[in-house]
Every structure is written in structure tokens, then in C-alpha cells.
Amino acid sequence: MRRKEIKAVGAELYARCLALQWRMGVDRVIRYCECHPHGRAGGCWDGSGPWCCLPVRALTGLNEEQIEAVIAHELAHIRGSIAS
């Protein structure tokens, strides 16, 4: 992805991500970002530390519970990579 397609999440979304991360028992430092991918999928990866990229298009129009489900899905990938 090109850098211009990725930016840090806003303070409110970041606080929500951290709260969910702690509830799920993920204690690593994770970089959360918003992305503008060509598709609607987000992703996570662990190159120089874990990243969680949340797709702006997929988050737009979702209610709070749905946004939390998207974040939890991505965090489950990170939690799974920690366990293996």
C-alpha cells in the first residue's frame, strides 16, 4: 500500500481499539490505521510490530457494535499469531 492511503485512526476510534484489545487479552503494542484499499477488506500484519488496518469504506455507515466486530476480527488474527 502506498503511504498516502494509510493514516492513523482518530482519537475516539483509537480509544475503542485499545479498550477492545485489552478485553481480548492482547497486550502487545499495535499500530492502528485507517486505509483506503481498492477493496473493502482490512488487514493486519506483523512486520516491524503488529499493525491493524481498518478499511474506511467498510467502517462508514456501521453502528458501534458492527465497528467493534470488525476491530475484534482483526485483533483475533493478531492474537492468533501471538499464540502460534
Protein backbone atom coordinates (compact mmCIF):
# COMPACT_ATOMS: atom_id res chain seq x y z
CA MET A 1 0.00 0.00 0.00
CA ARG A 2 1.12 3.49 -0.68
CA ARG A 3 1.65 5.70 2.37
CA LYS A 4 -0.95 8.21 1.25
CA GLU A 5 -3.61 5.50 1.54
CA ILE A 6 -2.87 4.91 5.23
CA LYS A 7 -3.27 7.26 8.20
CA ALA A 8 -3.55 6.87 11.96
CA VAL A 9 -7.03 6.35 13.34
CA GLY A 10 -8.67 9.21 15.19
CA ALA A 11 -8.50 9.50 18.98
CA GLU A 12 -12.03 8.17 19.58
CA LEU A 13 -11.55 5.09 17.39
CA TYR A 14 -8.09 4.51 18.87
CA ALA A 15 -9.55 4.50 22.40
CA ARG A 16 -12.18 1.99 21.27
CA CYS A 17 -9.49 -0.21 19.70
CA LEU A 18 -7.38 -0.16 22.87
CA ALA A 19 -10.35 -0.99 25.10
CA LEU A 20 -11.29 -3.96 22.93
CA GLN A 21 -7.67 -5.06 22.67
CA TRP A 22 -7.35 -5.23 26.45
CA ARG A 23 -10.70 -7.03 26.81
CA MET A 24 -9.43 -9.64 24.35
CA GLY A 25 -6.20 -10.07 26.31
CA VAL A 26 -3.88 -8.77 23.59
CA ASP A 27 -1.12 -6.92 25.43
CA ARG A 28 1.21 -6.05 22.54
CA VAL A 29 1.58 -2.55 21.17
CA ILE A 30 -0.45 -2.43 17.97
CA ARG A 31 -0.44 0.36 15.40
CA TYR A 32 -3.99 1.13 14.29
CA CYS A 33 -4.55 2.86 10.99
CA GLU A 34 -7.31 3.68 8.54
CA CYS A 35 -6.76 2.60 4.99
CA HIS A 36 -8.36 3.31 1.65
CA PRO A 37 -7.87 -0.03 -0.11
CA HIS A 38 -9.31 -0.70 -3.52
CA GLY A 39 -11.49 -3.38 -1.96
CA ARG A 40 -13.40 -3.27 1.32
CA ALA A 41 -11.14 -5.59 3.32
CA GLY A 42 -8.92 -4.54 6.15
CA GLY A 43 -5.98 -6.47 7.41
CA CYS A 44 -3.31 -6.95 9.96
CA TRP A 45 0.34 -7.83 9.68
CA ASP A 46 3.35 -8.21 11.91
CA GLY A 47 6.41 -6.96 10.05
CA SER A 48 8.04 -4.39 12.32
CA GLY A 49 5.41 -4.92 15.01
CA PRO A 50 1.71 -5.62 14.66
CA TRP A 51 -0.42 -3.32 12.55
CA CYS A 52 -4.20 -3.32 12.31
CA CYS A 53 -5.51 -1.59 9.21
CA LEU A 54 -9.20 -0.73 9.30
CA PRO A 55 -10.85 -0.02 5.94
CA VAL A 56 -12.56 3.36 5.92
CA ARG A 57 -15.13 2.26 3.34
CA ALA A 58 -16.16 -0.75 5.40
CA LEU A 59 -16.46 1.29 8.62
CA THR A 60 -18.53 4.07 7.10
CA GLY A 61 -22.17 3.69 8.00
CA LEU A 62 -21.69 0.92 10.56
CA ASN A 63 -23.09 1.19 14.06
CA GLU A 64 -20.82 0.96 17.10
CA GLU A 65 -21.42 -2.78 17.61
CA GLN A 66 -20.55 -3.54 13.98
CA ILE A 67 -17.37 -1.44 14.12
CA GLU A 68 -16.34 -3.30 17.25
CA ALA A 69 -16.92 -6.61 15.44
CA VAL A 70 -14.59 -5.52 12.60
CA ILE A 71 -11.89 -4.50 15.09
CA ALA A 72 -12.32 -7.74 17.07
CA HIS A 73 -11.97 -9.76 13.86
CA GLU A 74 -8.63 -8.13 13.05
CA LEU A 75 -7.43 -8.44 16.64
CA ALA A 76 -8.26 -12.16 16.59
CA HIS A 77 -5.75 -12.55 13.74
CA ILE A 78 -3.09 -10.79 15.80
CA ARG A 79 -3.93 -12.81 18.91
CA GLY A 80 -3.71 -15.99 16.85
CA SER A 81 -0.27 -15.06 15.53
CA ILE A 82 0.95 -14.43 19.08
CA ALA A 83 -0.22 -17.88 20.21
CA SER A 84 1.48 -19.73 17.34
